[in-house]
N, C-alpha and C. Protein backbone atom coordinates (compact mmCIF):
# COMPACT_ATOMS: atom_id res chain seq x y z
N MET A 1 19.89 -70.85 -81.62
CA MET A 1 20.14 -70.27 -80.32
C MET A 1 18.84 -70.21 -79.53
N LEU A 2 18.98 -70.36 -78.22
CA LEU A 2 17.85 -70.28 -77.32
C LEU A 2 18.09 -69.19 -76.29
N ILE A 3 17.01 -68.58 -75.83
CA ILE A 3 17.07 -67.62 -74.73
C ILE A 3 16.77 -68.40 -73.46
N ALA A 4 17.57 -68.18 -72.42
CA ALA A 4 17.37 -68.89 -71.16
C ALA A 4 17.77 -67.97 -70.00
N ARG A 5 17.26 -68.30 -68.81
CA ARG A 5 17.63 -67.59 -67.60
C ARG A 5 18.45 -68.53 -66.73
N VAL A 6 19.52 -68.01 -66.14
CA VAL A 6 20.34 -68.79 -65.22
C VAL A 6 19.58 -68.87 -63.90
N ILE A 7 19.27 -70.11 -63.47
CA ILE A 7 18.50 -70.28 -62.25
C ILE A 7 19.29 -70.94 -61.13
N GLY A 8 20.51 -71.37 -61.40
CA GLY A 8 21.31 -71.99 -60.35
C GLY A 8 22.67 -72.44 -60.85
N THR A 9 23.40 -73.06 -59.95
CA THR A 9 24.74 -73.56 -60.27
C THR A 9 24.79 -75.04 -59.92
N THR A 10 25.78 -75.71 -60.46
CA THR A 10 26.00 -77.10 -60.11
C THR A 10 27.51 -77.33 -60.00
N VAL A 11 27.87 -78.24 -59.12
CA VAL A 11 29.28 -78.58 -58.91
C VAL A 11 29.46 -80.06 -59.18
N SER A 12 30.49 -80.37 -59.95
CA SER A 12 30.82 -81.76 -60.25
C SER A 12 32.33 -81.92 -60.12
N THR A 13 32.76 -82.62 -59.10
CA THR A 13 34.20 -82.77 -58.89
C THR A 13 34.80 -83.86 -59.76
N ILE A 14 33.98 -84.84 -60.16
CA ILE A 14 34.46 -85.90 -61.04
C ILE A 14 33.79 -85.72 -62.39
N LYS A 15 34.60 -85.40 -63.40
CA LYS A 15 34.05 -85.14 -64.74
C LYS A 15 35.13 -85.36 -65.79
N ASP A 16 34.74 -85.34 -67.03
CA ASP A 16 35.68 -85.48 -68.14
C ASP A 16 36.77 -84.42 -68.00
N GLU A 17 38.01 -84.80 -68.29
CA GLU A 17 39.14 -83.88 -68.14
C GLU A 17 38.99 -82.60 -68.95
N LYS A 18 38.27 -82.64 -70.06
CA LYS A 18 38.09 -81.44 -70.88
C LYS A 18 37.10 -80.46 -70.27
N LEU A 19 36.43 -80.87 -69.20
CA LEU A 19 35.50 -79.98 -68.51
C LEU A 19 36.08 -79.40 -67.22
N HIS A 20 37.29 -79.83 -66.84
CA HIS A 20 37.90 -79.28 -65.63
C HIS A 20 38.09 -77.77 -65.78
N GLY A 21 37.74 -77.05 -64.73
CA GLY A 21 37.87 -75.59 -64.73
C GLY A 21 36.71 -74.87 -65.40
N ARG A 22 35.71 -75.59 -65.86
CA ARG A 22 34.55 -74.98 -66.53
C ARG A 22 33.40 -74.86 -65.54
N LYS A 23 32.77 -73.68 -65.53
CA LYS A 23 31.61 -73.45 -64.66
C LYS A 23 30.37 -74.03 -65.32
N LEU A 24 29.60 -74.77 -64.54
CA LEU A 24 28.36 -75.38 -65.03
C LEU A 24 27.18 -74.67 -64.36
N LEU A 25 26.28 -74.14 -65.16
CA LEU A 25 25.13 -73.42 -64.65
C LEU A 25 23.83 -74.11 -65.04
N ILE A 26 22.83 -73.97 -64.18
CA ILE A 26 21.51 -74.52 -64.46
C ILE A 26 20.67 -73.43 -65.11
N LEU A 27 20.07 -73.74 -66.25
CA LEU A 27 19.30 -72.77 -67.02
C LEU A 27 17.87 -73.26 -67.17
N ARG A 28 17.00 -72.31 -67.47
CA ARG A 28 15.63 -72.66 -67.85
C ARG A 28 15.28 -71.82 -69.06
N GLN A 29 14.89 -72.48 -70.13
CA GLN A 29 14.54 -71.78 -71.36
C GLN A 29 13.40 -70.80 -71.08
N THR A 30 13.42 -69.66 -71.79
CA THR A 30 12.38 -68.65 -71.63
C THR A 30 11.83 -68.27 -73.00
N ASP A 31 10.70 -67.57 -72.98
CA ASP A 31 10.18 -67.01 -74.22
C ASP A 31 10.89 -65.67 -74.45
N GLU A 32 10.46 -64.93 -75.49
CA GLU A 32 11.14 -63.68 -75.84
C GLU A 32 10.97 -62.59 -74.80
N ALA A 33 10.04 -62.73 -73.86
CA ALA A 33 9.86 -61.73 -72.80
C ALA A 33 10.55 -62.15 -71.51
N GLY A 34 11.23 -63.29 -71.52
CA GLY A 34 11.94 -63.74 -70.34
C GLY A 34 11.10 -64.60 -69.41
N ASN A 35 9.91 -65.01 -69.84
CA ASN A 35 9.05 -65.87 -69.03
C ASN A 35 9.45 -67.33 -69.23
N ALA A 36 9.58 -68.06 -68.13
CA ALA A 36 10.00 -69.45 -68.18
C ALA A 36 9.07 -70.27 -69.06
N SER A 37 9.66 -71.11 -69.93
CA SER A 37 8.83 -71.90 -70.83
C SER A 37 9.36 -73.31 -71.06
N GLY A 38 10.39 -73.69 -70.37
CA GLY A 38 10.96 -75.01 -70.63
C GLY A 38 11.50 -75.65 -69.37
N LYS A 39 12.06 -76.84 -69.55
CA LYS A 39 12.62 -77.59 -68.43
C LYS A 39 14.02 -77.09 -68.12
N PRO A 40 14.46 -77.22 -66.86
CA PRO A 40 15.84 -76.86 -66.51
C PRO A 40 16.84 -77.77 -67.21
N TYR A 41 18.00 -77.20 -67.52
CA TYR A 41 19.10 -77.97 -68.11
C TYR A 41 20.42 -77.33 -67.72
N VAL A 42 21.50 -78.04 -67.90
CA VAL A 42 22.83 -77.57 -67.51
C VAL A 42 23.60 -77.16 -68.76
N ALA A 43 24.34 -76.05 -68.63
CA ALA A 43 25.17 -75.57 -69.74
C ALA A 43 26.53 -75.14 -69.21
N VAL A 44 27.53 -75.26 -70.06
CA VAL A 44 28.87 -74.76 -69.74
C VAL A 44 28.87 -73.26 -69.97
N ASP A 45 29.38 -72.52 -68.99
CA ASP A 45 29.42 -71.06 -69.08
C ASP A 45 30.76 -70.60 -69.66
N THR A 46 30.72 -69.85 -70.76
CA THR A 46 31.96 -69.34 -71.36
C THR A 46 32.09 -67.83 -71.21
N VAL A 47 31.10 -67.19 -70.57
CA VAL A 47 31.08 -65.71 -70.53
C VAL A 47 30.92 -65.15 -69.13
N ASP A 48 31.10 -65.97 -68.09
CA ASP A 48 30.99 -65.56 -66.69
C ASP A 48 29.60 -65.04 -66.34
N ALA A 49 28.58 -65.76 -66.77
CA ALA A 49 27.20 -65.42 -66.42
C ALA A 49 26.95 -65.77 -64.96
N GLY A 50 25.85 -65.25 -64.42
CA GLY A 50 25.50 -65.54 -63.03
C GLY A 50 24.02 -65.77 -62.88
N VAL A 51 23.63 -66.22 -61.70
CA VAL A 51 22.23 -66.49 -61.41
C VAL A 51 21.40 -65.23 -61.66
N GLY A 52 20.31 -65.38 -62.39
CA GLY A 52 19.43 -64.27 -62.72
C GLY A 52 19.67 -63.69 -64.10
N ASP A 53 20.84 -63.94 -64.68
CA ASP A 53 21.14 -63.40 -66.02
C ASP A 53 20.28 -64.07 -67.08
N LEU A 54 19.90 -63.28 -68.08
CA LEU A 54 19.26 -63.80 -69.28
C LEU A 54 20.37 -64.00 -70.30
N VAL A 55 20.44 -65.19 -70.91
CA VAL A 55 21.58 -65.55 -71.74
C VAL A 55 21.12 -66.16 -73.06
N LEU A 56 22.05 -66.20 -74.02
CA LEU A 56 21.85 -66.93 -75.27
C LEU A 56 22.67 -68.21 -75.18
N THR A 57 22.06 -69.30 -75.62
CA THR A 57 22.75 -70.58 -75.57
C THR A 57 22.75 -71.24 -76.94
N ALA A 58 23.68 -72.14 -77.12
CA ALA A 58 23.70 -72.99 -78.31
C ALA A 58 23.68 -74.42 -77.81
N ALA A 59 23.09 -75.31 -78.61
CA ALA A 59 22.96 -76.71 -78.19
C ALA A 59 23.44 -77.64 -79.29
N GLY A 60 23.68 -78.87 -78.92
CA GLY A 60 24.12 -79.87 -79.88
C GLY A 60 25.52 -79.59 -80.38
N SER A 61 25.78 -79.92 -81.64
CA SER A 61 27.13 -79.74 -82.17
C SER A 61 27.56 -78.27 -82.17
N SER A 62 26.62 -77.35 -82.23
CA SER A 62 26.95 -75.92 -82.17
C SER A 62 27.58 -75.54 -80.84
N ALA A 63 27.25 -76.26 -79.78
CA ALA A 63 27.81 -75.98 -78.45
C ALA A 63 29.30 -76.27 -78.40
N ARG A 64 29.79 -77.04 -79.32
CA ARG A 64 31.22 -77.38 -79.34
C ARG A 64 32.02 -76.50 -80.29
N GLN A 65 31.47 -75.36 -80.67
CA GLN A 65 32.14 -74.48 -81.62
C GLN A 65 32.84 -73.28 -80.97
N THR A 66 32.66 -73.08 -79.65
CA THR A 66 33.36 -71.96 -79.00
C THR A 66 34.81 -72.36 -78.73
N THR A 67 35.64 -71.38 -78.48
CA THR A 67 37.05 -71.65 -78.20
C THR A 67 37.20 -72.54 -76.97
N LEU A 68 36.39 -72.30 -75.94
CA LEU A 68 36.52 -73.06 -74.69
C LEU A 68 35.89 -74.44 -74.73
N THR A 69 34.98 -74.69 -75.67
CA THR A 69 34.29 -75.98 -75.69
C THR A 69 34.65 -76.86 -76.88
N LYS A 70 35.54 -76.39 -77.73
CA LYS A 70 35.92 -77.16 -78.92
C LYS A 70 36.42 -78.54 -78.51
N ASP A 71 35.88 -79.56 -79.18
CA ASP A 71 36.27 -80.95 -78.94
C ASP A 71 36.00 -81.43 -77.51
N SER A 72 35.01 -80.81 -76.84
CA SER A 72 34.62 -81.21 -75.49
C SER A 72 33.27 -81.92 -75.53
N PRO A 73 32.99 -82.76 -74.54
CA PRO A 73 31.70 -83.46 -74.48
C PRO A 73 30.61 -82.54 -73.94
N VAL A 74 30.24 -81.55 -74.73
CA VAL A 74 29.30 -80.50 -74.31
C VAL A 74 28.08 -80.53 -75.22
N ASP A 75 26.90 -80.43 -74.62
CA ASP A 75 25.67 -80.38 -75.40
C ASP A 75 24.99 -79.02 -75.33
N SER A 76 25.39 -78.18 -74.37
CA SER A 76 24.81 -76.84 -74.25
C SER A 76 25.85 -75.88 -73.70
N VAL A 77 25.90 -74.68 -74.27
CA VAL A 77 26.88 -73.69 -73.85
C VAL A 77 26.23 -72.30 -73.78
N ILE A 78 26.64 -71.55 -72.77
CA ILE A 78 26.23 -70.14 -72.67
C ILE A 78 27.28 -69.35 -73.43
N MET A 79 26.85 -68.62 -74.46
CA MET A 79 27.82 -67.90 -75.28
C MET A 79 27.61 -66.39 -75.27
N SER A 80 26.56 -65.93 -74.55
CA SER A 80 26.28 -64.50 -74.54
C SER A 80 25.37 -64.15 -73.37
N ILE A 81 25.63 -63.02 -72.73
CA ILE A 81 24.72 -62.47 -71.72
C ILE A 81 23.93 -61.37 -72.41
N ILE A 82 22.61 -61.44 -72.30
CA ILE A 82 21.74 -60.48 -72.99
C ILE A 82 21.66 -59.17 -72.20
N ASP A 83 21.88 -58.05 -72.90
CA ASP A 83 21.73 -56.73 -72.30
C ASP A 83 20.31 -56.22 -72.44
N SER A 84 19.71 -56.46 -73.61
CA SER A 84 18.33 -56.03 -73.82
C SER A 84 17.71 -56.86 -74.94
N LEU A 85 16.38 -56.93 -74.90
CA LEU A 85 15.61 -57.61 -75.94
C LEU A 85 14.54 -56.66 -76.44
N GLU A 86 14.44 -56.52 -77.75
CA GLU A 86 13.38 -55.71 -78.36
C GLU A 86 12.56 -56.63 -79.26
N VAL A 87 11.25 -56.66 -79.04
CA VAL A 87 10.35 -57.50 -79.81
C VAL A 87 9.22 -56.62 -80.36
N ASN A 88 9.02 -56.66 -81.67
CA ASN A 88 7.98 -55.84 -82.32
C ASN A 88 8.09 -54.36 -81.95
N GLY A 89 9.31 -53.86 -81.89
CA GLY A 89 9.53 -52.45 -81.60
C GLY A 89 9.42 -52.05 -80.14
N GLN A 90 9.20 -53.02 -79.25
CA GLN A 90 9.06 -52.73 -77.82
C GLN A 90 10.16 -53.44 -77.05
N VAL A 91 10.83 -52.72 -76.17
CA VAL A 91 11.85 -53.33 -75.33
C VAL A 91 11.14 -54.16 -74.25
N VAL A 92 11.37 -55.48 -74.29
CA VAL A 92 10.72 -56.37 -73.34
C VAL A 92 11.64 -56.79 -72.20
N PHE A 93 12.94 -56.52 -72.37
CA PHE A 93 13.91 -56.82 -71.31
C PHE A 93 15.08 -55.86 -71.44
N ARG A 94 15.51 -55.35 -70.31
CA ARG A 94 16.73 -54.55 -70.24
C ARG A 94 17.44 -54.93 -68.94
N LYS A 95 18.71 -55.32 -69.06
CA LYS A 95 19.49 -55.71 -67.89
C LYS A 95 19.70 -54.49 -67.00
N SER A 96 19.43 -54.66 -65.72
CA SER A 96 19.58 -53.51 -64.81
C SER A 96 20.95 -53.47 -64.19
């Protein structure tokens, strides 16, 4: 699993039929404190995340293990919205 922040949305009207009705969000991987550390990428949203949310994602074959993405051509999925992060006994993120 990776921690990422939702930085935008994308719209695709022509796509594989198994992706119809699925929201596609643009993410950027972050470190454990929520600081950007990676390149932007697109993920299928299964939990109604929004821009600014810190989320947990799965990639590769693990991305196809959720109920909504099973047997779909998906390489990355948002499977959780993070409420808080605690690292070394210190809360480094809390959703407001």
